[in-house]
Full PDB file with SEQRES, HELIX, SHEET, SSBOND, CRYST1, ORIGX, SCALE, CONECT and MASTER records, all heavy atoms in Angstrom:
SEQRES   1 A   38  SER PHE GLU ARG ARG TYR ALA ALA ILE CYS GLU GLU GLN          
SEQRES   2 A   38  GLY ILE ALA PRO ARG SER TRP GLY LEU GLY SER PHE GLY          
SEQRES   3 A   38  ARG PRO PHE TYR ASP LEU TYR THR LEU PRO GLY VAL              
HELIX    1 AA1 PHE A    2  GLN A   13  1                                  12    
HELIX    2 AA2 ARG A   27  TYR A   33  1                                   7    
CRYST1    1.000    1.000    1.000  90.00  90.00  90.00 P 1           1          
ORIGX1      1.000000  0.000000  0.000000        0.00000                         
ORIGX2      0.000000  1.000000  0.000000        0.00000                         
ORIGX3      0.000000  0.000000  1.000000        0.00000                         
SCALE1      1.000000  0.000000  0.000000        0.00000                         
SCALE2      0.000000  1.000000  0.000000        0.00000                         
SCALE3      0.000000  0.000000  1.000000        0.00000                         
ATOM      1  N   SER A   1      23.106  41.473 -79.391  1.00  0.00           N  
ATOM      2  CA  SER A   1      21.915  41.332 -78.554  1.00  0.00           C  
ATOM      3  C   SER A   1      22.279  40.809 -77.166  1.00  0.00           C  
ATOM      4  O   SER A   1      23.392  40.322 -76.930  1.00  0.00           O  
ATOM      5  CB  SER A   1      20.922  40.375 -79.210  1.00  0.00           C  
ATOM      6  OG  SER A   1      21.456  39.060 -79.232  1.00  0.00           O  
ATOM      7  N   PHE A   2      21.339  40.887 -76.258  1.00  0.00           N  
ATOM      8  CA  PHE A   2      21.523  40.358 -74.911  1.00  0.00           C  
ATOM      9  C   PHE A   2      21.904  38.880 -74.960  1.00  0.00           C  
ATOM     10  O   PHE A   2      22.801  38.433 -74.244  1.00  0.00           O  
ATOM     11  CB  PHE A   2      20.228  40.534 -74.113  1.00  0.00           C  
ATOM     12  CG  PHE A   2      20.248  39.900 -72.749  1.00  0.00           C  
ATOM     13  CD1 PHE A   2      21.124  40.347 -71.768  1.00  0.00           C  
ATOM     14  CD2 PHE A   2      19.391  38.856 -72.440  1.00  0.00           C  
ATOM     15  CE1 PHE A   2      21.136  39.766 -70.498  1.00  0.00           C  
ATOM     16  CE2 PHE A   2      19.394  38.268 -71.177  1.00  0.00           C  
ATOM     17  CZ  PHE A   2      20.282  38.730 -70.208  1.00  0.00           C  
ATOM     18  N   GLU A   3      21.253  38.110 -75.812  1.00  0.00           N  
ATOM     19  CA  GLU A   3      21.524  36.672 -75.900  1.00  0.00           C  
ATOM     20  C   GLU A   3      22.872  36.366 -76.539  1.00  0.00           C  
ATOM     21  O   GLU A   3      23.487  35.346 -76.227  1.00  0.00           O  
ATOM     22  CB  GLU A   3      20.430  35.962 -76.690  1.00  0.00           C  
ATOM     23  CG  GLU A   3      19.060  35.954 -76.035  1.00  0.00           C  
ATOM     24  CD  GLU A   3      18.203  37.127 -76.439  1.00  0.00           C  
ATOM     25  OE1 GLU A   3      18.764  38.147 -76.907  1.00  0.00           O  
ATOM     26  OE2 GLU A   3      16.984  37.049 -76.294  1.00  0.00           O  
ATOM     27  N   ARG A   4      23.341  37.260 -77.425  1.00  0.00           N  
ATOM     28  CA  ARG A   4      24.516  36.940 -78.225  1.00  0.00           C  
ATOM     29  C   ARG A   4      25.822  37.555 -77.698  1.00  0.00           C  
ATOM     30  O   ARG A   4      26.890  36.985 -77.877  1.00  0.00           O  
ATOM     31  CB  ARG A   4      24.264  37.401 -79.668  1.00  0.00           C  
ATOM     32  CG  ARG A   4      25.417  37.224 -80.640  1.00  0.00           C  
ATOM     33  CD  ARG A   4      25.823  35.782 -80.834  1.00  0.00           C  
ATOM     34  NE  ARG A   4      27.079  35.691 -81.586  1.00  0.00           N  
ATOM     35  CZ  ARG A   4      27.908  34.671 -81.547  1.00  0.00           C  
ATOM     36  NH1 ARG A   4      27.623  33.611 -80.817  1.00  0.00           N  
ATOM     37  NH2 ARG A   4      29.024  34.679 -82.244  1.00  0.00           N  
ATOM     38  N   ARG A   5      25.749  38.677 -76.995  1.00  0.00           N  
ATOM     39  CA  ARG A   5      26.960  39.444 -76.697  1.00  0.00           C  
ATOM     40  C   ARG A   5      27.993  38.656 -75.903  1.00  0.00           C  
ATOM     41  O   ARG A   5      29.163  38.581 -76.292  1.00  0.00           O  
ATOM     42  CB  ARG A   5      26.595  40.726 -75.945  1.00  0.00           C  
ATOM     43  CG  ARG A   5      27.807  41.646 -75.751  1.00  0.00           C  
ATOM     44  CD  ARG A   5      27.463  42.915 -75.012  1.00  0.00           C  
ATOM     45  NE  ARG A   5      28.605  43.813 -74.964  1.00  0.00           N  
ATOM     46  CZ  ARG A   5      28.631  44.958 -74.278  1.00  0.00           C  
ATOM     47  NH1 ARG A   5      27.559  45.336 -73.573  1.00  0.00           N  
ATOM     48  NH2 ARG A   5      29.726  45.704 -74.274  1.00  0.00           N  
ATOM     49  N   TYR A   6      27.600  38.062 -74.784  1.00  0.00           N  
ATOM     50  CA  TYR A   6      28.566  37.337 -73.952  1.00  0.00           C  
ATOM     51  C   TYR A   6      29.117  36.125 -74.696  1.00  0.00           C  
ATOM     52  O   TYR A   6      30.305  35.785 -74.556  1.00  0.00           O  
ATOM     53  CB  TYR A   6      27.900  36.916 -72.641  1.00  0.00           C  
ATOM     54  CG  TYR A   6      28.852  36.355 -71.616  1.00  0.00           C  
ATOM     55  CD1 TYR A   6      29.891  37.125 -71.105  1.00  0.00           C  
ATOM     56  CD2 TYR A   6      28.713  35.051 -71.145  1.00  0.00           C  
ATOM     57  CE1 TYR A   6      30.763  36.616 -70.149  1.00  0.00           C  
ATOM     58  CE2 TYR A   6      29.577  34.535 -70.186  1.00  0.00           C  
ATOM     59  CZ  TYR A   6      30.602  35.319 -69.704  1.00  0.00           C  
ATOM     60  OH  TYR A   6      31.467  34.807 -68.754  1.00  0.00           O  
ATOM     61  N   ALA A   7      28.276  35.489 -75.504  1.00  0.00           N  
ATOM     62  CA  ALA A   7      28.737  34.347 -76.296  1.00  0.00           C  
ATOM     63  C   ALA A   7      29.821  34.780 -77.283  1.00  0.00           C  
ATOM     64  O   ALA A   7      30.832  34.086 -77.454  1.00  0.00           O  
ATOM     65  CB  ALA A   7      27.563  33.715 -77.036  1.00  0.00           C  
ATOM     66  N   ALA A   8      29.630  35.932 -77.925  1.00  0.00           N  
ATOM     67  CA  ALA A   8      30.621  36.427 -78.888  1.00  0.00           C  
ATOM     68  C   ALA A   8      31.943  36.759 -78.192  1.00  0.00           C  
ATOM     69  O   ALA A   8      33.027  36.472 -78.728  1.00  0.00           O  
ATOM     70  CB  ALA A   8      30.074  37.663 -79.602  1.00  0.00           C  
ATOM     71  N   ILE A   9      31.865  37.340 -77.005  1.00  0.00           N  
ATOM     72  CA  ILE A   9      33.068  37.668 -76.244  1.00  0.00           C  
ATOM     73  C   ILE A   9      33.837  36.399 -75.881  1.00  0.00           C  
ATOM     74  O   ILE A   9      35.057  36.311 -76.080  1.00  0.00           O  
ATOM     75  CB  ILE A   9      32.693  38.455 -74.975  1.00  0.00           C  
ATOM     76  CG1 ILE A   9      32.156  39.833 -75.346  1.00  0.00           C  
ATOM     77  CG2 ILE A   9      33.880  38.573 -74.028  1.00  0.00           C  
ATOM     78  CD1 ILE A   9      31.492  40.565 -74.192  1.00  0.00           C  
ATOM     79  N   CYS A  10      33.122  35.416 -75.371  1.00  0.00           N  
ATOM     80  CA  CYS A  10      33.776  34.161 -74.971  1.00  0.00           C  
ATOM     81  C   CYS A  10      34.353  33.423 -76.171  1.00  0.00           C  
ATOM     82  O   CYS A  10      35.425  32.800 -76.068  1.00  0.00           O  
ATOM     83  CB  CYS A  10      32.777  33.274 -74.223  1.00  0.00           C  
ATOM     84  SG  CYS A  10      32.317  33.897 -72.589  1.00  0.00           S  
ATOM     85  N   GLU A  11      33.673  33.480 -77.308  1.00  0.00           N  
ATOM     86  CA  GLU A  11      34.187  32.830 -78.519  1.00  0.00           C  
ATOM     87  C   GLU A  11      35.527  33.439 -78.926  1.00  0.00           C  
ATOM     88  O   GLU A  11      36.482  32.721 -79.242  1.00  0.00           O  
ATOM     89  CB  GLU A  11      33.176  32.970 -79.651  1.00  0.00           C  
ATOM     90  CG  GLU A  11      32.002  32.016 -79.537  1.00  0.00           C  
ATOM     91  CD  GLU A  11      30.957  32.248 -80.620  1.00  0.00           C  
ATOM     92  OE1 GLU A  11      31.260  32.994 -81.587  1.00  0.00           O  
ATOM     93  OE2 GLU A  11      29.857  31.698 -80.495  1.00  0.00           O  
ATOM     94  N   GLU A  12      35.622  34.775 -78.924  1.00  0.00           N  
ATOM     95  CA  GLU A  12      36.882  35.399 -79.317  1.00  0.00           C  
ATOM     96  C   GLU A  12      37.995  35.055 -78.330  1.00  0.00           C  
ATOM     97  O   GLU A  12      39.135  34.806 -78.727  1.00  0.00           O  
ATOM     98  CB  GLU A  12      36.747  36.921 -79.398  1.00  0.00           C  
ATOM     99  CG  GLU A  12      38.075  37.563 -79.809  1.00  0.00           C  
ATOM    100  CD  GLU A  12      38.043  39.078 -79.862  1.00  0.00           C  
ATOM    101  OE1 GLU A  12      36.985  39.645 -80.178  1.00  0.00           O  
ATOM    102  OE2 GLU A  12      39.095  39.693 -79.601  1.00  0.00           O  
ATOM    103  N   GLN A  13      37.660  35.010 -77.042  1.00  0.00           N  
ATOM    104  CA  GLN A  13      38.685  34.746 -76.038  1.00  0.00           C  
ATOM    105  C   GLN A  13      38.977  33.253 -75.872  1.00  0.00           C  
ATOM    106  O   GLN A  13      39.901  32.887 -75.150  1.00  0.00           O  
ATOM    107  CB  GLN A  13      38.254  35.351 -74.702  1.00  0.00           C  
ATOM    108  CG  GLN A  13      38.196  36.880 -74.726  1.00  0.00           C  
ATOM    109  CD  GLN A  13      38.075  37.471 -73.337  1.00  0.00           C  
ATOM    110  OE1 GLN A  13      37.266  37.027 -72.524  1.00  0.00           O  
ATOM    111  NE2 GLN A  13      38.877  38.485 -73.059  1.00  0.00           N  
ATOM    112  N   GLY A  14      38.183  32.416 -76.525  1.00  0.00           N  
ATOM    113  CA  GLY A  14      38.413  30.975 -76.444  1.00  0.00           C  
ATOM    114  C   GLY A  14      38.146  30.402 -75.067  1.00  0.00           C  
ATOM    115  O   GLY A  14      38.820  29.467 -74.628  1.00  0.00           O  
ATOM    116  N   ILE A  15      37.156  30.973 -74.385  1.00  0.00           N  
ATOM    117  CA  ILE A  15      36.830  30.500 -73.038  1.00  0.00           C  
ATOM    118  C   ILE A  15      35.378  30.017 -72.995  1.00  0.00           C  
ATOM    119  O   ILE A  15      34.551  30.416 -73.812  1.00  0.00           O  
ATOM    120  CB  ILE A  15      37.037  31.589 -71.974  1.00  0.00           C  
ATOM    121  CG1 ILE A  15      36.145  32.810 -72.259  1.00  0.00           C  
ATOM    122  CG2 ILE A  15      38.511  31.995 -71.896  1.00  0.00           C  
ATOM    123  CD1 ILE A  15      36.195  33.880 -71.177  1.00  0.00           C  
ATOM    124  N   ALA A  16      35.090  29.133 -72.042  1.00  0.00           N  
ATOM    125  CA  ALA A  16      33.721  28.645 -71.840  1.00  0.00           C  
ATOM    126  C   ALA A  16      33.518  28.431 -70.353  1.00  0.00           C  
ATOM    127  O   ALA A  16      33.549  27.300 -69.864  1.00  0.00           O  
ATOM    128  CB  ALA A  16      33.471  27.357 -72.625  1.00  0.00           C  
ATOM    129  N   PRO A  17      33.340  29.513 -69.595  1.00  0.00           N  
ATOM    130  CA  PRO A  17      33.220  29.382 -68.128  1.00  0.00           C  
ATOM    131  C   PRO A  17      32.080  28.462 -67.722  1.00  0.00           C  
ATOM    132  O   PRO A  17      30.990  28.519 -68.290  1.00  0.00           O  
ATOM    133  CB  PRO A  17      32.954  30.823 -67.670  1.00  0.00           C  
ATOM    134  CG  PRO A  17      33.468  31.687 -68.778  1.00  0.00           C  
ATOM    135  CD  PRO A  17      33.228  30.912 -70.033  1.00  0.00           C  
ATOM    136  N   ARG A  18      32.348  27.630 -66.721  1.00  0.00           N  
ATOM    137  CA  ARG A  18      31.303  26.745 -66.212  1.00  0.00           C  
ATOM    138  C   ARG A  18      30.211  27.522 -65.508  1.00  0.00           C  
ATOM    139  O   ARG A  18      29.045  27.148 -65.531  1.00  0.00           O  
ATOM    140  CB  ARG A  18      31.928  25.724 -65.252  1.00  0.00           C  
ATOM    141  CG  ARG A  18      30.920  24.774 -64.607  1.00  0.00           C  
ATOM    142  CD  ARG A  18      31.617  23.817 -63.655  1.00  0.00           C  
ATOM    143  NE  ARG A  18      30.674  22.910 -63.011  1.00  0.00           N  
ATOM    144  CZ  ARG A  18      30.015  23.200 -61.890  1.00  0.00           C  
ATOM    145  NH1 ARG A  18      30.203  24.374 -61.299  1.00  0.00           N  
ATOM    146  NH2 ARG A  18      29.172  22.321 -61.362  1.00  0.00           N  
ATOM    147  N   SER A  19      30.612  28.606 -64.845  1.00  0.00           N  
ATOM    148  CA  SER A  19      29.645  29.377 -64.076  1.00  0.00           C  
ATOM    149  C   SER A  19      29.926  30.866 -64.221  1.00  0.00           C  
ATOM    150  O   SER A  19      31.013  31.286 -64.637  1.00  0.00           O  
ATOM    151  CB  SER A  19      29.679  28.963 -62.603  1.00  0.00           C  
ATOM    152  OG  SER A  19      30.978  29.135 -62.075  1.00  0.00           O  
ATOM    153  N   TRP A  20      28.963  31.656 -63.879  1.00  0.00           N  
ATOM    154  CA  TRP A  20      29.045  33.114 -63.913  1.00  0.00           C  
ATOM    155  C   TRP A  20      29.977  33.584 -62.800  1.00  0.00           C  
ATOM    156  O   TRP A  20      29.835  33.193 -61.655  1.00  0.00           O  
ATOM    157  CB  TRP A  20      27.648  33.675 -63.710  1.00  0.00           C  
ATOM    158  CG  TRP A  20      27.534  35.148 -63.505  1.00  0.00           C  
ATOM    159  CD1 TRP A  20      27.369  35.799 -62.313  1.00  0.00           C  
ATOM    160  CD2 TRP A  20      27.528  36.163 -64.520  1.00  0.00           C  
ATOM    161  NE1 TRP A  20      27.254  37.148 -62.517  1.00  0.00           N  
ATOM    162  CE2 TRP A  20      27.351  37.405 -63.864  1.00  0.00           C  
ATOM    163  CE3 TRP A  20      27.648  36.154 -65.897  1.00  0.00           C  
ATOM    164  CZ2 TRP A  20      27.292  38.622 -64.554  1.00  0.00           C  
ATOM    165  CZ3 TRP A  20      27.593  37.357 -66.585  1.00  0.00           C  
ATOM    166  CH2 TRP A  20      27.423  38.566 -65.932  1.00  0.00           C  
ATOM    167  N   GLY A  21      30.925  34.440 -63.134  1.00  0.00           N  
ATOM    168  CA  GLY A  21      31.878  34.888 -62.144  1.00  0.00           C  
ATOM    169  C   GLY A  21      31.965  36.393 -62.007  1.00  0.00           C  
ATOM    170  O   GLY A  21      32.970  36.923 -61.533  1.00  0.00           O  
ATOM    171  N   LEU A  22      30.897  37.102 -62.399  1.00  0.00           N  
ATOM    172  CA  LEU A  22      30.940  38.559 -62.403  1.00  0.00           C  
ATOM    173  C   LEU A  22      30.009  39.172 -61.352  1.00  0.00           C  
ATOM    174  O   LEU A  22      29.509  40.280 -61.524  1.00  0.00           O  
ATOM    175  CB  LEU A  22      30.589  39.096 -63.802  1.00  0.00           C  
ATOM    176  CG  LEU A  22      31.489  38.605 -64.942  1.00  0.00           C  
ATOM    177  CD1 LEU A  22      31.014  39.170 -66.278  1.00  0.00           C  
ATOM    178  CD2 LEU A  22      32.942  38.996 -64.698  1.00  0.00           C  
ATOM    179  N   GLY A  23      29.772  38.433 -60.268  1.00  0.00           N  
ATOM    180  CA  GLY A  23      28.969  38.970 -59.170  1.00  0.00           C  
ATOM    181  C   GLY A  23      27.541  38.462 -59.165  1.00  0.00           C  
ATOM    182  O   GLY A  23      26.947  38.269 -60.235  1.00  0.00           O  
ATOM    183  N   SER A  24      26.991  38.246 -57.962  1.00  0.00           N  
ATOM    184  CA  SER A  24      25.605  37.755 -57.869  1.00  0.00           C  
ATOM    185  C   SER A  24      24.979  38.158 -56.536  1.00  0.00           C  
ATOM    186  O   SER A  24      24.399  37.341 -55.842  1.00  0.00           O  
ATOM    187  CB  SER A  24      25.555  36.238 -58.042  1.00  0.00           C  
ATOM    188  OG  SER A  24      26.361  35.592 -57.067  1.00  0.00           O  
ATOM    189  N   PHE A  25      25.143  39.442 -56.192  1.00  0.00           N  
ATOM    190  CA  PHE A  25      24.542  39.942 -54.960  1.00  0.00           C  
ATOM    191  C   PHE A  25      24.082  41.374 -55.190  1.00  0.00           C  
ATOM    192  O   PHE A  25      24.743  42.145 -55.869  1.00  0.00           O  
ATOM    193  CB  PHE A  25      25.533  39.893 -53.799  1.00  0.00           C  
ATOM    194  CG  PHE A  25      24.967  40.404 -52.495  1.00  0.00           C  
ATOM    195  CD1 PHE A  25      24.035  39.653 -51.795  1.00  0.00           C  
ATOM    196  CD2 PHE A  25      25.342  41.633 -51.988  1.00  0.00           C  
ATOM    197  CE1 PHE A  25      23.497  40.118 -50.602  1.00  0.00           C  
ATOM    198  CE2 PHE A  25      24.817  42.103 -50.791  1.00  0.00           C  
ATOM    199  CZ  PHE A  25      23.882  41.340 -50.100  1.00  0.00           C  
ATOM    200  N   GLY A  26      22.942  41.728 -54.633  1.00  0.00           N  
ATOM    201  CA  GLY A  26      22.437  43.090 -54.763  1.00  0.00           C  
ATOM    202  C   GLY A  26      20.929  43.116 -54.676  1.00  0.00           C  
ATOM    203  O   GLY A  26      20.264  42.077 -54.550  1.00  0.00           O  
ATOM    204  N   ARG A  27      20.360  44.307 -54.744  1.00  0.00           N  
ATOM    205  CA  ARG A  27      18.921  44.465 -54.604  1.00  0.00           C  
ATOM    206  C   ARG A  27      18.127  43.674 -55.646  1.00  0.00           C  
ATOM    207  O   ARG A  27      17.071  43.094 -55.310  1.00  0.00           O  
ATOM    208  CB  ARG A  27      18.568  45.966 -54.685  1.00  0.00           C  
ATOM    209  CG  ARG A  27      17.074  46.264 -54.507  1.00  0.00           C  
ATOM    210  CD  ARG A  27      16.585  45.770 -53.146  1.00  0.00           C  
ATOM    211  NE  ARG A  27      15.154  45.883 -52.971  1.00  0.00           N  
ATOM    212  CZ  ARG A  27      14.549  46.892 -52.324  1.00  0.00           C  
ATOM    213  NH1 ARG A  27      15.278  47.876 -51.821  1.00  0.00           N  
ATOM    214  NH2 ARG A  27      13.254  46.906 -52.193  1.00  0.00           N  
ATOM    215  N   PRO A  28      18.573  43.601 -56.920  1.00  0.00           N  
ATOM    216  CA  PRO A  28      17.805  42.813 -57.894  1.00  0.00           C  
ATOM    217  C   PRO A  28      17.641  41.349 -57.489  1.00  0.00           C  
ATOM    218  O   PRO A  28      16.606  40.732 -57.770  1.00  0.00           O  
ATOM    219  CB  PRO A  28      18.609  42.946 -59.194  1.00  0.00           C  
ATOM    220  CG  PRO A  28      19.374  44.213 -59.039  1.00  0.00           C  
ATOM    221  CD  PRO A  28      19.713  44.284 -57.581  1.00  0.00           C  
ATOM    222  N   PHE A  29      18.648  40.792 -56.806  1.00  0.00           N  
ATOM    223  CA  PHE A  29      18.573  39.395 -56.380  1.00  0.00           C  
ATOM    224  C   PHE A  29      17.601  39.251 -55.209  1.00  0.00           C  
ATOM    225  O   PHE A  29      16.796  38.315 -55.171  1.00  0.00           O  
ATOM    226  CB  PHE A  29      19.965  38.876 -56.017  1.00  0.00           C  
ATOM    227  CG  PHE A  29      20.890  38.786 -57.189  1.00  0.00           C  
ATOM    228  CD1 PHE A  29      21.674  39.868 -57.566  1.00  0.00           C  
ATOM    229  CD2 PHE A  29      20.968  37.625 -57.950  1.00  0.00           C  
ATOM    230  CE1 PHE A  29      22.513  39.808 -58.659  1.00  0.00           C  
ATOM    231  CE2 PHE A  29      21.812  37.547 -59.040  1.00  0.00           C  
ATOM    232  CZ  PHE A  29      22.582  38.639 -59.401  1.00  0.00           C  
ATOM    233  N   TYR A  30      17.677  40.153 -54.262  1.00  0.00           N  
ATOM    234  CA  TYR A  30      16.726  40.137 -53.138  1.00  0.00           C  
ATOM    235  C   TYR A  30      15.295  40.207 -53.665  1.00  0.00           C  
ATOM    236  O   TYR A  30      14.416  39.457 -53.224  1.00  0.00           O  
ATOM    237  CB  TYR A  30      17.004  41.308 -52.203  1.00  0.00           C  
ATOM    238  CG  TYR A  30      15.973  41.477 -51.106  1.00  0.00           C  
ATOM    239  CD1 TYR A  30      16.133  40.837 -49.875  1.00  0.00           C  
ATOM    240  CD2 TYR A  30      14.841  42.272 -51.299  1.00  0.00           C  
ATOM    241  CE1 TYR A  30      15.180  40.986 -48.865  1.00  0.00           C  
ATOM    242  CE2 TYR A  30      13.891  42.422 -50.306  1.00  0.00           C  
ATOM    243  CZ  TYR A  30      14.059  41.779 -49.090  1.00  0.00           C  
ATOM    244  OH  TYR A  30      13.110  41.916 -48.104  1.00  0.00           O  
ATOM    245  N   ASP A  31      15.060  41.109 -54.609  1.00  0.00           N  
ATOM    246  CA  ASP A  31      13.709  41.259 -55.161  1.00  0.00           C  
ATOM    247  C   ASP A  31      13.257  39.999 -55.883  1.00  0.00           C  
ATOM    248  O   ASP A  31      12.066  39.646 -55.854  1.00  0.00           O  
ATOM    249  CB  ASP A  31      13.669  42.449 -56.124  1.00  0.00           C  
ATOM    250  CG  ASP A  31      13.823  43.789 -55.412  1.00  0.00           C  
ATOM    251  OD1 ASP A  31      13.615  43.836 -54.184  1.00  0.00           O  
ATOM    252  OD2 ASP A  31      14.169  44.782 -56.088  1.00  0.00           O  
ATOM    253  N   LEU A  32      14.194  39.296 -56.517  1.00  0.00           N  
ATOM    254  CA  LEU A  32      13.860  38.044 -57.193  1.00  0.00           C  
ATOM    255  C   LEU A  32      13.486  36.963 -56.184  1.00  0.00           C  
ATOM    256  O   LEU A  32      12.487  36.254 -56.356  1.00  0.00           O  
ATOM    257  CB  LEU A  32      15.043  37.584 -58.043  1.00  0.00           C  
ATOM    258  CG  LEU A  32      14.824  36.361 -58.930  1.00  0.00           C  
ATOM    259  CD1 LEU A  32      13.896  36.693 -60.089  1.00  0.00           C  
ATOM    260  CD2 LEU A  32      16.149  35.834 -59.446  1.00  0.00           C  
ATOM    261  N   TYR A  33      14.274  36.823 -55.127  1.00  0.00           N  
ATOM    262  CA  TYR A  33      14.021  35.787 -54.129  1.00  0.00           C  
ATOM    263  C   TYR A  33      12.683  35.974 -53.409  1.00  0.00           C  
ATOM    264  O   TYR A  33      12.125  35.010 -52.877  1.00  0.00           O  
ATOM    265  CB  TYR A  33      15.123  35.769 -53.061  1.00  0.00           C  
ATOM    266  CG  TYR A  33      16.527  35.649 -53.579  1.00  0.00           C  
ATOM    267  CD1 TYR A  33      17.587  36.214 -52.866  1.00  0.00           C  
ATOM    268  CD2 TYR A  33      16.823  34.984 -54.761  1.00  0.00           C  
ATOM    269  CE1 TYR A  33      18.895  36.114 -53.321  1.00  0.00           C  
ATOM    270  CE2 TYR A  33      18.121  34.896 -55.229  1.00  0.00           C  
ATOM    271  CZ  TYR A  33      19.160  35.456 -54.511  1.00  0.00           C  
ATOM    272  OH  TYR A  33      20.450  35.364 -54.967  1.00  0.00           O  
ATOM    273  N   THR A  34      12.199  37.214 -53.382  1.00  0.00           N  
ATOM    274  CA  THR A  34      10.983  37.525 -52.624  1.00  0.00           C  
ATOM    275  C   THR A  34       9.796  37.868 -53.523  1.00  0.00           C  
ATOM    276  O   THR A  34       8.842  38.492 -53.060  1.00  0.00           O  
ATOM    277  CB  THR A  34      11.250  38.697 -51.650  1.00  0.00           C  
ATOM    278  OG1 THR A  34      11.721  39.841 -52.395  1.00  0.00           O  
ATOM    279  CG2 THR A  34      12.295  38.314 -50.607  1.00  0.00           C  
ATOM    280  N   LEU A  35       9.832  37.463 -54.780  1.00  0.00           N  
ATOM    281  CA  LEU A  35       8.708  37.717 -55.688  1.00  0.00           C  
ATOM    282  C   LEU A  35       7.427  37.086 -55.133  1.00  0.00           C  
ATOM    283  O   LEU A  35       7.426  35.909 -54.738  1.00  0.00           O  
ATOM    284  CB  LEU A  35       9.001  37.131 -57.074  1.00  0.00           C  
ATOM    285  CG  LEU A  35       9.983  37.902 -57.951  1.00  0.00           C  
ATOM    286  CD1 LEU A  35      10.286  37.111 -59.220  1.00  0.00           C  
ATOM    287  CD2 LEU A  35       9.424  39.277 -58.315  1.00  0.00           C  
ATOM    288  N   PRO A  36       6.334  37.820 -55.109  1.00  0.00           N  
ATOM    289  CA  PRO A  36       5.091  37.293 -54.543  1.00  0.00           C  
ATOM    290  C   PRO A  36       4.621  35.993 -55.183  1.00  0.00           C  
ATOM    291  O   PRO A  36       4.156  35.083 -54.481  1.00  0.00           O  
ATOM    292  CB  PRO A  36       4.088  38.436 -54.780  1.00  0.00           C  
ATOM    293  CG  PRO A  36       4.934  39.667 -54.842  1.00  0.00           C  
ATOM    294  CD  PRO A  36       6.208  39.238 -55.486  1.00  0.00           C  
ATOM    295  N   GLY A  37       4.731  35.885 -56.510  1.00  0.00           N  
ATOM    296  CA  GLY A  37       4.289  34.665 -57.176  1.00  0.00           C  
ATOM    297  C   GLY A  37       5.107  33.456 -56.755  1.00  0.00           C  
ATOM    298  O   GLY A  37       4.565  32.362 -56.554  1.00  0.00           O  
ATOM    299  N   VAL A  38       6.413  33.644 -56.603  1.00  0.00           N  
ATOM    300  CA  VAL A  38       7.291  32.559 -56.170  1.00  0.00           C  
ATOM    301  C   VAL A  38       6.985  32.167 -54.725  1.00  0.00           C  
ATOM    302  O   VAL A  38       6.883  30.978 -54.390  1.00  0.00           O  
ATOM    303  CB  VAL A  38       8.770  32.980 -56.322  1.00  0.00           C  
ATOM    304  CG1 VAL A  38       9.694  31.967 -55.655  1.00  0.00           C  
ATOM    305  CG2 VAL A  38       9.132  33.128 -57.800  1.00  0.00           C  
TER     306      VAL A  38                                                      
MASTER        0    0    0    2    0    0    0    6  305    1    0    3          
END                                                                             
């Protein structure tokens, strides 16, 4: 599942990253920052 997949990968590799390191820029982020409700 979405909630479990990355956890299972990290468990096998024996890693526990402090932060996300696979990118954090693009249109989805712009759209999040500019949500009307926010």
